[in-house]
């Protein structure tokens, strides 16, 4: 997909890619330079490990959207290719 950089240095990420990556307005991103390419990655979700019974469970600091079966299926299919 093609996009452009505007006069303020902003890059528009096409909607289809934002949807696939779960990116939304004000989502924190990490931008790095690797082998001559810009790598843009969402920052990991901050979690705290909480003991529940005999197990440790990751509890996010902010509420996360619920997973939908379509998204889970798409991610699984993407890893099988």
PDB file of N, CA and C in Angstrom:
ATOM      1  N   UNK A   1       0.830  -1.182   0.000  1.00  0.00           N
ATOM      2  CA  UNK A   1       0.000   0.000   0.000  1.00  0.00           C
ATOM      3  C   UNK A   1       0.869   1.237   0.000  1.00  0.00           C
ATOM      4  N   UNK A   2       0.423   2.237  -0.714  1.00  0.00           N
ATOM      5  CA  UNK A   2       1.174   3.485  -0.771  1.00  0.00           C
ATOM      6  C   UNK A   2       0.533   4.513   0.152  1.00  0.00           C
ATOM      7  N   UNK A   3       1.368   5.366   0.697  1.00  0.00           N
ATOM      8  CA  UNK A   3       0.914   6.496   1.491  1.00  0.00           C
ATOM      9  C   UNK A   3       1.969   7.586   1.336  1.00  0.00           C
ATOM     10  N   UNK A   4       1.783   8.693   2.015  1.00  0.00           N
ATOM     11  CA  UNK A   4       2.725   9.803   1.878  1.00  0.00           C
ATOM     12  C   UNK A   4       2.949  10.453   3.238  1.00  0.00           C
ATOM     13  N   UNK A   5       4.003  11.227   3.307  1.00  0.00           N
ATOM     14  CA  UNK A   5       4.308  12.018   4.492  1.00  0.00           C
ATOM     15  C   UNK A   5       3.838  13.436   4.214  1.00  0.00           C
ATOM     16  N   UNK A   6       3.076  14.029   5.151  1.00  0.00           N
ATOM     17  CA  UNK A   6       2.606  15.398   4.935  1.00  0.00           C
ATOM     18  C   UNK A   6       3.671  16.408   5.375  1.00  0.00           C
ATOM     19  N   UNK A   7       3.360  17.689   5.246  1.00  0.00           N
ATOM     20  CA  UNK A   7       4.303  18.753   5.555  1.00  0.00           C
ATOM     21  C   UNK A   7       4.750  18.789   7.006  1.00  0.00           C
ATOM     22  N   UNK A   8       3.987  18.163   7.906  1.00  0.00           N
ATOM     23  CA  UNK A   8       4.348  18.122   9.319  1.00  0.00           C
ATOM     24  C   UNK A   8       5.054  16.812   9.704  1.00  0.00           C
ATOM     25  N   UNK A   9       5.347  15.980   8.703  1.00  0.00           N
ATOM     26  CA  UNK A   9       6.054  14.725   8.963  1.00  0.00           C
ATOM     27  C   UNK A   9       5.149  13.583   9.373  1.00  0.00           C
ATOM     28  N   UNK A  10       3.841  13.732   9.218  1.00  0.00           N
ATOM     29  CA  UNK A  10       2.896  12.677   9.610  1.00  0.00           C
ATOM     30  C   UNK A  10       2.695  11.683   8.471  1.00  0.00           C
ATOM     31  N   UNK A  11       2.545  10.442   8.847  1.00  0.00           N
ATOM     32  CA  UNK A  11       2.281   9.369   7.892  1.00  0.00           C
ATOM     33  C   UNK A  11       0.884   8.836   8.164  1.00  0.00           C
ATOM     34  N   UNK A  12       0.079   8.718   7.122  1.00  0.00           N
ATOM     35  CA  UNK A  12      -1.257   8.146   7.269  1.00  0.00           C
ATOM     36  C   UNK A  12      -1.138   6.633   7.097  1.00  0.00           C
ATOM     37  N   UNK A  13      -1.582   5.900   8.124  1.00  0.00           N
ATOM     38  CA  UNK A  13      -1.620   4.445   8.038  1.00  0.00           C
ATOM     39  C   UNK A  13      -2.997   4.073   7.480  1.00  0.00           C
ATOM     40  N   UNK A  14      -3.042   3.379   6.350  1.00  0.00           N
ATOM     41  CA  UNK A  14      -4.334   3.045   5.742  1.00  0.00           C
ATOM     42  C   UNK A  14      -5.260   2.321   6.721  1.00  0.00           C
ATOM     43  N   UNK A  15      -6.550   2.589   6.600  1.00  0.00           N
ATOM     44  CA  UNK A  15      -7.554   2.066   7.521  1.00  0.00           C
ATOM     45  C   UNK A  15      -7.502   0.553   7.631  1.00  0.00           C
ATOM     46  N   UNK A  16      -7.332  -0.130   6.505  1.00  0.00           N
ATOM     47  CA  UNK A  16      -7.328  -1.599   6.542  1.00  0.00           C
ATOM     48  C   UNK A  16      -6.186  -2.104   7.427  1.00  0.00           C
ATOM     49  N   UNK A  17      -5.031  -1.450   7.389  1.00  0.00           N
ATOM     50  CA  UNK A  17      -3.909  -1.860   8.241  1.00  0.00           C
ATOM     51  C   UNK A  17      -4.169  -1.514   9.701  1.00  0.00           C
ATOM     52  N   UNK A  18      -4.737  -0.327   9.950  1.00  0.00           N
ATOM     53  CA  UNK A  18      -5.074   0.051  11.334  1.00  0.00           C
ATOM     54  C   UNK A  18      -6.039  -0.961  11.946  1.00  0.00           C
ATOM     55  N   UNK A  19      -7.025  -1.375  11.171  1.00  0.00           N
ATOM     56  CA  UNK A  19      -7.997  -2.340  11.676  1.00  0.00           C
ATOM     57  C   UNK A  19      -7.343  -3.689  11.959  1.00  0.00           C
ATOM     58  N   UNK A  20      -6.479  -4.142  11.052  1.00  0.00           N
ATOM     59  CA  UNK A  20      -5.813  -5.430  11.241  1.00  0.00           C
ATOM     60  C   UNK A  20      -4.912  -5.422  12.471  1.00  0.00           C
ATOM     61  N   UNK A  21      -4.303  -4.272  12.777  1.00  0.00           N
ATOM     62  CA  UNK A  21      -3.370  -4.175  13.900  1.00  0.00           C
ATOM     63  C   UNK A  21      -4.027  -3.674  15.180  1.00  0.00           C
ATOM     64  N   UNK A  22      -5.296  -3.328  15.108  1.00  0.00           N
ATOM     65  CA  UNK A  22      -5.973  -2.816  16.297  1.00  0.00           C
ATOM     66  C   UNK A  22      -5.479  -1.442  16.719  1.00  0.00           C
ATOM     67  N   UNK A  23      -5.032  -0.644  15.764  1.00  0.00           N
ATOM     68  CA  UNK A  23      -4.541   0.699  16.069  1.00  0.00           C
ATOM     69  C   UNK A  23      -5.704   1.678  16.085  1.00  0.00           C
ATOM     70  N   UNK A  24      -5.650   2.611  17.005  1.00  0.00           N
ATOM     71  CA  UNK A  24      -6.690   3.626  17.121  1.00  0.00           C
ATOM     72  C   UNK A  24      -6.052   4.944  17.536  1.00  0.00           C
ATOM     73  N   UNK A  25      -6.832   6.009  17.485  1.00  0.00           N
ATOM     74  CA  UNK A  25      -6.330   7.338  17.835  1.00  0.00           C
ATOM     75  C   UNK A  25      -5.728   7.322  19.240  1.00  0.00           C
ATOM     76  N   UNK A  26      -4.626   7.996  19.401  1.00  0.00           N
ATOM     77  CA  UNK A  26      -3.901   8.144  20.661  1.00  0.00           C
ATOM     78  C   UNK A  26      -3.263   6.853  21.162  1.00  0.00           C
ATOM     79  N   UNK A  27      -3.188   5.817  20.355  1.00  0.00           N
ATOM     80  CA  UNK A  27      -2.492   4.579  20.736  1.00  0.00           C
ATOM     81  C   UNK A  27      -0.995   4.852  20.700  1.00  0.00           C
ATOM     82  N   UNK A  28      -0.301   4.520  21.768  1.00  0.00           N
ATOM     83  CA  UNK A  28       1.146   4.739  21.846  1.00  0.00           C
ATOM     84  C   UNK A  28       1.874   3.756  20.922  1.00  0.00           C
ATOM     85  N   UNK A  29       2.832   4.294  20.166  1.00  0.00           N
ATOM     86  CA  UNK A  29       3.594   3.482  19.212  1.00  0.00           C
ATOM     87  C   UNK A  29       5.082   3.663  19.443  1.00  0.00           C
ATOM     88  N   UNK A  30       5.837   2.657  19.073  1.00  0.00           N
ATOM     89  CA  UNK A  30       7.300   2.712  19.092  1.00  0.00           C
ATOM     90  C   UNK A  30       7.758   2.708  17.638  1.00  0.00           C
ATOM     91  N   UNK A  31       8.584   3.686  17.266  1.00  0.00           N
ATOM     92  CA  UNK A  31       9.116   3.759  15.902  1.00  0.00           C
ATOM     93  C   UNK A  31      10.621   3.593  15.987  1.00  0.00           C
ATOM     94  N   UNK A  32      11.148   2.624  15.238  1.00  0.00           N
ATOM     95  CA  UNK A  32      12.583   2.372  15.226  1.00  0.00           C
ATOM     96  C   UNK A  32      13.063   2.235  13.779  1.00  0.00           C
ATOM     97  N   UNK A  33      14.345   2.379  13.617  1.00  0.00           N
ATOM     98  CA  UNK A  33      14.978   2.198  12.317  1.00  0.00           C
ATOM     99  C   UNK A  33      15.739   0.879  12.363  1.00  0.00           C
ATOM    100  N   UNK A  34      15.414  -0.025  11.433  1.00  0.00           N
ATOM    101  CA  UNK A  34      16.071  -1.327  11.404  1.00  0.00           C
ATOM    102  C   UNK A  34      16.371  -1.712   9.960  1.00  0.00           C
ATOM    103  N   UNK A  35      17.635  -1.870   9.655  1.00  0.00           N
ATOM    104  CA  UNK A  35      18.063  -2.275   8.312  1.00  0.00           C
ATOM    105  C   UNK A  35      17.488  -1.376   7.226  1.00  0.00           C
ATOM    106  N   UNK A  36      17.482  -0.064   7.470  1.00  0.00           N
ATOM    107  CA  UNK A  36      17.023   0.895   6.476  1.00  0.00           C
ATOM    108  C   UNK A  36      15.515   1.011   6.353  1.00  0.00           C
ATOM    109  N   UNK A  37      14.762   0.396   7.269  1.00  0.00           N
ATOM    110  CA  UNK A  37      13.302   0.462   7.225  1.00  0.00           C
ATOM    111  C   UNK A  37      12.775   1.002   8.556  1.00  0.00           C
ATOM    112  N   UNK A  38      11.672   1.758   8.489  1.00  0.00           N
ATOM    113  CA  UNK A  38      11.001   2.198   9.704  1.00  0.00           C
ATOM    114  C   UNK A  38      10.115   1.065  10.195  1.00  0.00           C
ATOM    115  N   UNK A  39      10.237   0.745  11.447  1.00  0.00           N
ATOM    116  CA  UNK A  39       9.403  -0.278  12.068  1.00  0.00           C
ATOM    117  C   UNK A  39       8.490   0.431  13.060  1.00  0.00           C
ATOM    118  N   UNK A  40       7.178   0.299  12.874  1.00  0.00           N
ATOM    119  CA  UNK A  40       6.196   0.934  13.743  1.00  0.00           C
ATOM    120  C   UNK A  40       5.436  -0.179  14.458  1.00  0.00           C
ATOM    121  N   UNK A  41       5.529  -0.170  15.796  1.00  0.00           N
ATOM    122  CA  UNK A  41       4.890  -1.214  16.593  1.00  0.00           C
ATOM    123  C   UNK A  41       4.102  -0.589  17.733  1.00  0.00           C
ATOM    124  N   UNK A  42       2.926  -1.147  18.039  1.00  0.00           N
ATOM    125  CA  UNK A  42       2.202  -0.676  19.222  1.00  0.00           C
ATOM    126  C   UNK A  42       3.012  -1.025  20.471  1.00  0.00           C
ATOM    127  N   UNK A  43       3.015  -0.124  21.457  1.00  0.00           N
ATOM    128  CA  UNK A  43       3.668  -0.442  22.726  1.00  0.00           C
ATOM    129  C   UNK A  43       2.894  -1.554  23.413  1.00  0.00           C
ATOM    130  N   UNK A  44       3.589  -2.429  24.120  1.00  0.00           N
ATOM    131  CA  UNK A  44       2.878  -3.504  24.810  1.00  0.00           C
ATOM    132  C   UNK A  44       1.933  -2.951  25.875  1.00  0.00           C
ATOM    133  N   UNK A  45       0.884  -3.689  26.139  1.00  0.00           N
ATOM    134  CA  UNK A  45      -0.069  -3.310  27.171  1.00  0.00           C
ATOM    135  C   UNK A  45       0.587  -3.488  28.538  1.00  0.00           C
ATOM    136  N   UNK A  46       0.486  -2.469  29.385  1.00  0.00           N
ATOM    137  CA  UNK A  46       1.025  -2.545  30.740  1.00  0.00           C
ATOM    138  C   UNK A  46       0.158  -3.497  31.562  1.00  0.00           C
ATOM    139  N   UNK A  47       0.779  -4.457  32.230  1.00  0.00           N
ATOM    140  CA  UNK A  47       0.050  -5.420  33.057  1.00  0.00           C
ATOM    141  C   UNK A  47       0.738  -5.585  34.407  1.00  0.00           C
ATOM    142  N   UNK A  48      -0.014  -6.063  35.360  1.00  0.00           N
ATOM    143  CA  UNK A  48       0.502  -6.450  36.664  1.00  0.00           C
ATOM    144  C   UNK A  48       0.133  -7.908  36.870  1.00  0.00           C
ATOM    145  N   UNK A  49       1.077  -8.694  37.395  1.00  0.00           N
ATOM    146  CA  UNK A  49       0.773 -10.093  37.681  1.00  0.00           C
ATOM    147  C   UNK A  49       0.060 -10.180  39.022  1.00  0.00           C
ATOM    148  N   UNK A  50      -1.105 -10.830  39.019  1.00  0.00           N
ATOM    149  CA  UNK A  50      -1.933 -10.964  40.214  1.00  0.00           C
ATOM    150  C   UNK A  50      -2.128 -12.450  40.483  1.00  0.00           C
ATOM    151  N   UNK A  51      -1.974 -12.846  41.734  1.00  0.00           N
ATOM    152  CA  UNK A  51      -2.159 -14.260  42.074  1.00  0.00           C
ATOM    153  C   UNK A  51      -3.648 -14.550  42.228  1.00  0.00           C
ATOM    154  N   UNK A  52      -4.116 -15.565  41.500  1.00  0.00           N
ATOM    155  CA  UNK A  52      -5.490 -16.051  41.624  1.00  0.00           C
ATOM    156  C   UNK A  52      -5.406 -17.543  41.920  1.00  0.00           C
ATOM    157  N   UNK A  53      -5.629 -17.866  43.165  1.00  0.00           N
ATOM    158  CA  UNK A  53      -5.457 -19.261  43.577  1.00  0.00           C
ATOM    159  C   UNK A  53      -3.984 -19.622  43.492  1.00  0.00           C
ATOM    160  N   UNK A  54      -3.674 -20.665  42.727  1.00  0.00           N
ATOM    161  CA  UNK A  54      -2.286 -21.115  42.561  1.00  0.00           C
ATOM    162  C   UNK A  54      -1.636 -20.559  41.303  1.00  0.00           C
ATOM    163  N   UNK A  55      -2.343 -19.672  40.604  1.00  0.00           N
ATOM    164  CA  UNK A  55      -1.837 -19.168  39.320  1.00  0.00           C
ATOM    165  C   UNK A  55      -1.577 -17.675  39.373  1.00  0.00           C
ATOM    166  N   UNK A  56      -0.636 -17.217  38.533  1.00  0.00           N
ATOM    167  CA  UNK A  56      -0.438 -15.791  38.303  1.00  0.00           C
ATOM    168  C   UNK A  56      -1.184 -15.423  37.031  1.00  0.00           C
ATOM    169  N   UNK A  57      -1.930 -14.331  37.087  1.00  0.00           N
ATOM    170  CA  UNK A  57      -2.725 -13.877  35.951  1.00  0.00           C
ATOM    171  C   UNK A  57      -2.300 -12.452  35.620  1.00  0.00           C
ATOM    172  N   UNK A  58      -2.127 -12.147  34.342  1.00  0.00           N
ATOM    173  CA  UNK A  58      -1.784 -10.791  33.902  1.00  0.00           C
ATOM    174  C   UNK A  58      -3.049  -9.941  33.910  1.00  0.00           C
ATOM    175  N   UNK A  59      -3.022  -8.869  34.698  1.00  0.00           N
ATOM    176  CA  UNK A  59      -4.158  -7.956  34.772  1.00  0.00           C
ATOM    177  C   UNK A  59      -3.756  -6.629  34.142  1.00  0.00           C
ATOM    178  N   UNK A  60      -4.415  -6.226  33.034  1.00  0.00           N
ATOM    179  CA  UNK A  60      -4.021  -4.983  32.348  1.00  0.00           C
ATOM    180  C   UNK A  60      -4.338  -3.756  33.201  1.00  0.00           C
ATOM    181  N   UNK A  61      -3.516  -2.708  33.053  1.00  0.00           N
ATOM    182  CA  UNK A  61      -3.734  -1.461  33.785  1.00  0.00           C
ATOM    183  C   UNK A  61      -4.947  -0.704  33.254  1.00  0.00           C
ATOM    184  N   UNK A  62      -5.266  -0.883  31.964  1.00  0.00           N
ATOM    185  CA  UNK A  62      -6.424  -0.238  31.350  1.00  0.00           C
ATOM    186  C   UNK A  62      -7.319  -1.324  30.765  1.00  0.00           C
ATOM    187  N   UNK A  63      -8.626  -1.088  30.717  1.00  0.00           N
ATOM    188  CA  UNK A  63      -9.523  -2.083  30.115  1.00  0.00           C
ATOM    189  C   UNK A  63      -9.157  -2.351  28.657  1.00  0.00           C
ATOM    190  N   UNK A  64      -9.250  -3.588  28.263  1.00  0.00           N
ATOM    191  CA  UNK A  64      -8.971  -3.986  26.883  1.00  0.00           C
ATOM    192  C   UNK A  64     -10.271  -4.360  26.190  1.00  0.00           C
ATOM    193  N   UNK A  65     -10.335  -4.163  24.861  1.00  0.00           N
ATOM    194  CA  UNK A  65     -11.548  -4.586  24.145  1.00  0.00           C
ATOM    195  C   UNK A  65     -11.670  -6.103  24.182  1.00  0.00           C
ATOM    196  N   UNK A  66     -12.899  -6.586  24.168  1.00  0.00           N
ATOM    197  CA  UNK A  66     -13.092  -8.039  24.180  1.00  0.00           C
ATOM    198  C   UNK A  66     -12.705  -8.617  22.826  1.00  0.00           C
ATOM    199  N   UNK A  67     -12.206  -9.836  22.860  1.00  0.00           N
ATOM    200  CA  UNK A  67     -11.817 -10.519  21.625  1.00  0.00           C
ATOM    201  C   UNK A  67     -13.058 -11.048  20.933  1.00  0.00           C
ATOM    202  N   UNK A  68     -13.082 -10.900  19.626  1.00  0.00           N
ATOM    203  CA  UNK A  68     -14.179 -11.427  18.827  1.00  0.00           C
ATOM    204  C   UNK A  68     -13.669 -12.638  18.058  1.00  0.00           C
ATOM    205  N   UNK A  69     -14.517 -13.603  17.835  1.00  0.00           N
ATOM    206  CA  UNK A  69     -14.093 -14.845  17.187  1.00  0.00           C
ATOM    207  C   UNK A  69     -13.509 -14.595  15.803  1.00  0.00           C
ATOM    208  N   UNK A  70     -14.021 -13.596  15.066  1.00  0.00           N
ATOM    209  CA  UNK A  70     -13.470 -13.289  13.736  1.00  0.00           C
ATOM    210  C   UNK A  70     -12.011 -12.869  13.830  1.00  0.00           C
ATOM    211  N   UNK A  71     -11.688 -12.037  14.801  1.00  0.00           N
ATOM    212  CA  UNK A  71     -10.311 -11.576  14.976  1.00  0.00           C
ATOM    213  C   UNK A  71      -9.397 -12.740  15.341  1.00  0.00           C
ATOM    214  N   UNK A  72      -9.827 -13.589  16.258  1.00  0.00           N
ATOM    215  CA  UNK A  72      -9.019 -14.741  16.666  1.00  0.00           C
ATOM    216  C   UNK A  72      -8.775 -15.653  15.474  1.00  0.00           C
ATOM    217  N   UNK A  73      -9.818 -15.907  14.691  1.00  0.00           N
ATOM    218  CA  UNK A  73      -9.681 -16.768  13.510  1.00  0.00           C
ATOM    219  C   UNK A  73      -8.705 -16.162  12.499  1.00  0.00           C
ATOM    220  N   UNK A  74      -8.808 -14.846  12.251  1.00  0.00           N
ATOM    221  CA  UNK A  74      -7.905 -14.183  11.305  1.00  0.00           C
ATOM    222  C   UNK A  74      -6.455 -14.259  11.761  1.00  0.00           C
ATOM    223  N   UNK A  75      -6.216 -14.070  13.065  1.00  0.00           N
ATOM    224  CA  UNK A  75      -4.849 -14.136  13.583  1.00  0.00           C
ATOM    225  C   UNK A  75      -4.307 -15.559  13.447  1.00  0.00           C
ATOM    226  N   UNK A  76      -5.122 -16.554  13.784  1.00  0.00           N
ATOM    227  CA  UNK A  76      -4.679 -17.933  13.641  1.00  0.00           C
ATOM    228  C   UNK A  76      -4.372 -18.276  12.184  1.00  0.00           C
ATOM    229  N   UNK A  77      -5.230 -17.863  11.280  1.00  0.00           N
ATOM    230  CA  UNK A  77      -4.987 -18.120   9.855  1.00  0.00           C
ATOM    231  C   UNK A  77      -3.723 -17.418   9.389  1.00  0.00           C
ATOM    232  N   UNK A  78      -3.488 -16.205   9.867  1.00  0.00           N
ATOM    233  CA  UNK A  78      -2.288 -15.465   9.480  1.00  0.00           C
ATOM    234  C   UNK A  78      -1.011 -16.131   9.938  1.00  0.00           C
ATOM    235  N   UNK A  79      -1.047 -16.841  11.071  1.00  0.00           N
ATOM    236  CA  UNK A  79       0.156 -17.509  11.556  1.00  0.00           C
ATOM    237  C   UNK A  79       0.405 -18.830  10.847  1.00  0.00           C
ATOM    238  N   UNK A  80      -0.597 -19.355  10.175  1.00  0.00           N
ATOM    239  CA  UNK A  80      -0.461 -20.637   9.473  1.00  0.00           C
ATOM    240  C   UNK A  80       0.066 -20.482   8.070  1.00  0.00           C
ATOM    241  N   UNK A  81       0.136 -19.258   7.565  1.00  0.00           N
ATOM    242  CA  UNK A  81       0.565 -19.052   6.174  1.00  0.00           C
ATOM    243  C   UNK A  81       2.046 -19.144   6.033  1.00  0.00           C
TER     244      UNK A  81
END
